[in-house]
Amino acid sequence: MGPLFWIKRYLLAAVPLFAFLAAVEWAKGTTAPADIASAAIWAAVAAAIFTGAAWNRYRKALACAACDAVPPKPAAAQAPRRKKK
């Protein structure tokens, strides 16, 4: 997993989080530039922590409890066979 993967993962965390935090500020009625900047900073910090923790787990090859909790996909169910007469 190269740098592009981690950059995409960071952006996939930061952009929606910023949108959510900015929407909360807008719903409260406080859309001053300082409030939007605060939402951007919090989104950047939270996404950095999220991505940094994932990268650290990847780098150390640690097991992921959330990933291990997902059961494997079952094999395709086969139709019952009919007996020949």
N, C-alpha and C. Protein backbone atom coordinates (compact mmCIF):
# COMPACT_ATOMS: atom_id res chain seq x y z
N MET A 1 0.84 -1.16 0.00
CA MET A 1 0.00 0.00 0.00
C MET A 1 0.89 1.23 0.00
N GLY A 2 0.86 1.92 -1.10
CA GLY A 2 1.72 3.07 -1.26
C GLY A 2 1.13 4.35 -0.69
N PRO A 3 1.86 5.44 -0.87
CA PRO A 3 1.41 6.73 -0.33
C PRO A 3 0.07 7.19 -0.90
N LEU A 4 -0.18 6.87 -2.15
CA LEU A 4 -1.45 7.30 -2.76
C LEU A 4 -2.63 6.66 -2.04
N PHE A 5 -2.50 5.41 -1.63
CA PHE A 5 -3.57 4.73 -0.89
C PHE A 5 -3.87 5.47 0.41
N TRP A 6 -2.81 5.84 1.14
CA TRP A 6 -3.00 6.49 2.43
C TRP A 6 -3.52 7.91 2.28
N ILE A 7 -3.12 8.59 1.22
CA ILE A 7 -3.65 9.94 0.96
C ILE A 7 -5.14 9.85 0.65
N LYS A 8 -5.52 8.88 -0.18
CA LYS A 8 -6.94 8.70 -0.49
C LYS A 8 -7.73 8.35 0.77
N ARG A 9 -7.16 7.50 1.59
CA ARG A 9 -7.85 7.11 2.82
C ARG A 9 -8.02 8.32 3.74
N TYR A 10 -6.99 9.16 3.81
CA TYR A 10 -7.09 10.38 4.62
C TYR A 10 -8.18 11.29 4.10
N LEU A 11 -8.20 11.49 2.79
CA LEU A 11 -9.21 12.37 2.21
C LEU A 11 -10.62 11.80 2.36
N LEU A 12 -10.76 10.48 2.25
CA LEU A 12 -12.06 9.86 2.44
C LEU A 12 -12.56 9.99 3.87
N ALA A 13 -11.67 10.24 4.80
CA ALA A 13 -12.07 10.48 6.18
C ALA A 13 -12.28 11.97 6.44
N ALA A 14 -11.40 12.82 5.90
CA ALA A 14 -11.43 14.24 6.23
C ALA A 14 -12.58 14.99 5.55
N VAL A 15 -12.82 14.72 4.29
CA VAL A 15 -13.82 15.50 3.54
C VAL A 15 -15.24 15.30 4.11
N PRO A 16 -15.69 14.04 4.30
CA PRO A 16 -17.04 13.89 4.87
C PRO A 16 -17.14 14.43 6.29
N LEU A 17 -16.08 14.27 7.06
CA LEU A 17 -16.10 14.80 8.42
C LEU A 17 -16.19 16.32 8.42
N PHE A 18 -15.45 16.96 7.52
CA PHE A 18 -15.56 18.41 7.42
C PHE A 18 -16.97 18.83 7.01
N ALA A 19 -17.55 18.11 6.05
CA ALA A 19 -18.91 18.44 5.61
C ALA A 19 -19.89 18.30 6.76
N PHE A 20 -19.73 17.26 7.55
CA PHE A 20 -20.62 17.05 8.69
C PHE A 20 -20.45 18.16 9.73
N LEU A 21 -19.21 18.48 10.08
CA LEU A 21 -18.96 19.53 11.07
C LEU A 21 -19.42 20.89 10.58
N ALA A 22 -19.21 21.18 9.30
CA ALA A 22 -19.67 22.46 8.75
C ALA A 22 -21.20 22.52 8.75
N ALA A 23 -21.85 21.38 8.45
CA ALA A 23 -23.31 21.35 8.47
C ALA A 23 -23.85 21.58 9.88
N VAL A 24 -23.16 21.06 10.87
CA VAL A 24 -23.58 21.29 12.26
C VAL A 24 -23.45 22.77 12.60
N GLU A 25 -22.35 23.39 12.19
CA GLU A 25 -22.17 24.82 12.43
C GLU A 25 -23.26 25.63 11.72
N TRP A 26 -23.59 25.22 10.50
CA TRP A 26 -24.64 25.92 9.74
C TRP A 26 -25.99 25.74 10.42
N ALA A 27 -26.28 24.55 10.93
CA ALA A 27 -27.56 24.29 11.60
C ALA A 27 -27.67 25.08 12.90
N LYS A 28 -26.55 25.30 13.56
CA LYS A 28 -26.57 26.11 14.78
C LYS A 28 -26.76 27.59 14.47
N GLY A 29 -26.52 27.96 13.21
CA GLY A 29 -26.68 29.36 12.82
C GLY A 29 -25.39 30.15 12.95
N THR A 30 -24.29 29.48 13.17
CA THR A 30 -23.00 30.17 13.29
C THR A 30 -22.12 29.76 12.12
N THR A 31 -22.16 30.54 11.07
CA THR A 31 -21.34 30.22 9.90
C THR A 31 -20.25 31.26 9.68
N ALA A 32 -19.70 31.76 10.75
CA ALA A 32 -18.60 32.70 10.64
C ALA A 32 -17.38 31.96 10.08
N PRO A 33 -16.49 32.68 9.41
CA PRO A 33 -15.29 32.04 8.87
C PRO A 33 -14.48 31.30 9.94
N ALA A 34 -14.48 31.83 11.16
CA ALA A 34 -13.74 31.16 12.23
C ALA A 34 -14.36 29.80 12.56
N ASP A 35 -15.69 29.70 12.49
CA ASP A 35 -16.36 28.43 12.77
C ASP A 35 -16.08 27.40 11.68
N ILE A 36 -16.07 27.85 10.43
CA ILE A 36 -15.76 26.94 9.32
C ILE A 36 -14.30 26.50 9.39
N ALA A 37 -13.41 27.42 9.77
CA ALA A 37 -12.00 27.06 9.93
C ALA A 37 -11.83 26.06 11.07
N SER A 38 -12.58 26.24 12.13
CA SER A 38 -12.53 25.29 13.25
C SER A 38 -12.99 23.91 12.81
N ALA A 39 -14.05 23.85 12.00
CA ALA A 39 -14.52 22.56 11.48
C ALA A 39 -13.45 21.91 10.60
N ALA A 40 -12.77 22.71 9.79
CA ALA A 40 -11.73 22.17 8.92
C ALA A 40 -10.55 21.64 9.74
N ILE A 41 -10.17 22.36 10.76
CA ILE A 41 -9.04 21.93 11.60
C ILE A 41 -9.39 20.64 12.34
N TRP A 42 -10.59 20.59 12.93
CA TRP A 42 -10.99 19.37 13.64
C TRP A 42 -11.08 18.19 12.69
N ALA A 43 -11.59 18.41 11.50
CA ALA A 43 -11.68 17.32 10.52
C ALA A 43 -10.29 16.83 10.13
N ALA A 44 -9.37 17.76 9.93
CA ALA A 44 -8.00 17.39 9.54
C ALA A 44 -7.31 16.60 10.66
N VAL A 45 -7.48 17.04 11.89
CA VAL A 45 -6.84 16.36 13.02
C VAL A 45 -7.44 14.97 13.22
N ALA A 46 -8.77 14.87 13.19
CA ALA A 46 -9.43 13.58 13.40
C ALA A 46 -9.08 12.59 12.29
N ALA A 47 -9.05 13.06 11.04
CA ALA A 47 -8.69 12.18 9.93
C ALA A 47 -7.22 11.76 10.02
N ALA A 48 -6.37 12.65 10.49
CA ALA A 48 -4.95 12.29 10.65
C ALA A 48 -4.79 11.22 11.72
N ILE A 49 -5.52 11.32 12.81
CA ILE A 49 -5.45 10.30 13.86
C ILE A 49 -5.98 8.96 13.33
N PHE A 50 -7.10 8.99 12.64
CA PHE A 50 -7.70 7.79 12.07
C PHE A 50 -6.74 7.12 11.09
N THR A 51 -6.20 7.89 10.17
CA THR A 51 -5.31 7.33 9.15
C THR A 51 -3.98 6.90 9.77
N GLY A 52 -3.48 7.68 10.71
CA GLY A 52 -2.22 7.32 11.37
C GLY A 52 -2.34 6.01 12.15
N ALA A 53 -3.46 5.81 12.81
CA ALA A 53 -3.67 4.56 13.55
C ALA A 53 -3.76 3.38 12.59
N ALA A 54 -4.45 3.56 11.48
CA ALA A 54 -4.57 2.48 10.49
C ALA A 54 -3.21 2.18 9.87
N TRP A 55 -2.43 3.20 9.56
CA TRP A 55 -1.10 2.99 8.98
C TRP A 55 -0.19 2.27 9.98
N ASN A 56 -0.29 2.66 11.25
CA ASN A 56 0.54 2.02 12.28
C ASN A 56 0.18 0.54 12.42
N ARG A 57 -1.11 0.22 12.40
CA ARG A 57 -1.54 -1.18 12.45
C ARG A 57 -1.02 -1.94 11.23
N TYR A 58 -1.10 -1.31 10.06
CA TYR A 58 -0.62 -1.94 8.82
C TYR A 58 0.90 -2.16 8.90
N ARG A 59 1.61 -1.15 9.35
CA ARG A 59 3.08 -1.23 9.40
C ARG A 59 3.55 -2.32 10.35
N LYS A 60 2.87 -2.48 11.47
CA LYS A 60 3.26 -3.48 12.46
C LYS A 60 2.60 -4.84 12.21
N ALA A 61 1.77 -4.91 11.18
CA ALA A 61 1.06 -6.15 10.82
C ALA A 61 0.24 -6.68 11.99
N LEU A 62 -0.47 -5.77 12.67
CA LEU A 62 -1.31 -6.16 13.79
C LEU A 62 -2.68 -6.60 13.29
N ALA A 63 -3.29 -7.48 14.02
CA ALA A 63 -4.63 -7.94 13.66
C ALA A 63 -5.63 -6.82 13.93
N CYS A 64 -6.65 -6.79 13.13
CA CYS A 64 -7.71 -5.78 13.28
C CYS A 64 -8.95 -6.49 13.79
N ALA A 65 -9.39 -6.17 15.00
CA ALA A 65 -10.54 -6.84 15.60
C ALA A 65 -11.80 -6.62 14.77
N ALA A 66 -11.97 -5.43 14.25
CA ALA A 66 -13.15 -5.15 13.43
C ALA A 66 -13.11 -5.94 12.12
N CYS A 67 -11.92 -6.08 11.56
CA CYS A 67 -11.79 -6.83 10.31
C CYS A 67 -11.99 -8.32 10.54
N ASP A 68 -11.52 -8.82 11.69
CA ASP A 68 -11.64 -10.24 11.99
C ASP A 68 -13.06 -10.62 12.38
N ALA A 69 -13.87 -9.65 12.80
CA ALA A 69 -15.24 -9.94 13.23
C ALA A 69 -16.17 -10.19 12.05
N VAL A 70 -15.78 -9.78 10.87
CA VAL A 70 -16.61 -9.98 9.69
C VAL A 70 -16.49 -11.44 9.25
N PRO A 71 -17.62 -12.15 9.24
CA PRO A 71 -17.53 -13.56 8.83
C PRO A 71 -17.24 -13.66 7.33
N PRO A 72 -16.53 -14.71 6.92
CA PRO A 72 -16.25 -14.86 5.49
C PRO A 72 -17.53 -15.12 4.72
N LYS A 73 -17.50 -14.76 3.45
CA LYS A 73 -18.67 -14.98 2.61
C LYS A 73 -18.87 -16.48 2.42
N PRO A 74 -20.11 -16.94 2.56
CA PRO A 74 -20.35 -18.37 2.36
C PRO A 74 -20.19 -18.74 0.89
N ALA A 75 -19.83 -19.99 0.68
CA ALA A 75 -19.69 -20.47 -0.69
C ALA A 75 -21.06 -20.46 -1.35
N ALA A 76 -21.05 -20.35 -2.66
CA ALA A 76 -22.32 -20.31 -3.39
C ALA A 76 -23.10 -21.60 -3.10
N ALA A 77 -24.35 -21.41 -2.78
CA ALA A 77 -25.20 -22.57 -2.47
C ALA A 77 -25.45 -23.37 -3.73
N GLN A 78 -25.27 -24.64 -3.62
CA GLN A 78 -25.50 -25.50 -4.77
C GLN A 78 -26.92 -26.03 -4.72
N ALA A 79 -27.51 -26.15 -5.88
CA ALA A 79 -28.85 -26.70 -5.97
C ALA A 79 -28.79 -28.19 -5.62
N PRO A 80 -29.80 -28.70 -4.94
CA PRO A 80 -29.78 -30.13 -4.60
C PRO A 80 -29.81 -30.98 -5.87
N ARG A 81 -29.07 -32.06 -5.83
CA ARG A 81 -29.00 -32.95 -6.99
C ARG A 81 -30.19 -33.91 -6.96
N ARG A 82 -30.69 -34.18 -8.14
CA ARG A 82 -31.77 -35.15 -8.26
C ARG A 82 -31.18 -36.52 -8.50
N LYS A 83 -31.83 -37.49 -7.93
CA LYS A 83 -31.37 -38.86 -8.12
C LYS A 83 -31.82 -39.37 -9.48
N LYS A 84 -30.96 -40.11 -10.12
CA LYS A 84 -31.31 -40.70 -11.40
C LYS A 84 -32.15 -41.95 -11.16
N LYS A 85 -33.12 -42.15 -12.02
CA LYS A 85 -33.98 -43.33 -11.90
C LYS A 85 -33.47 -44.47 -12.70
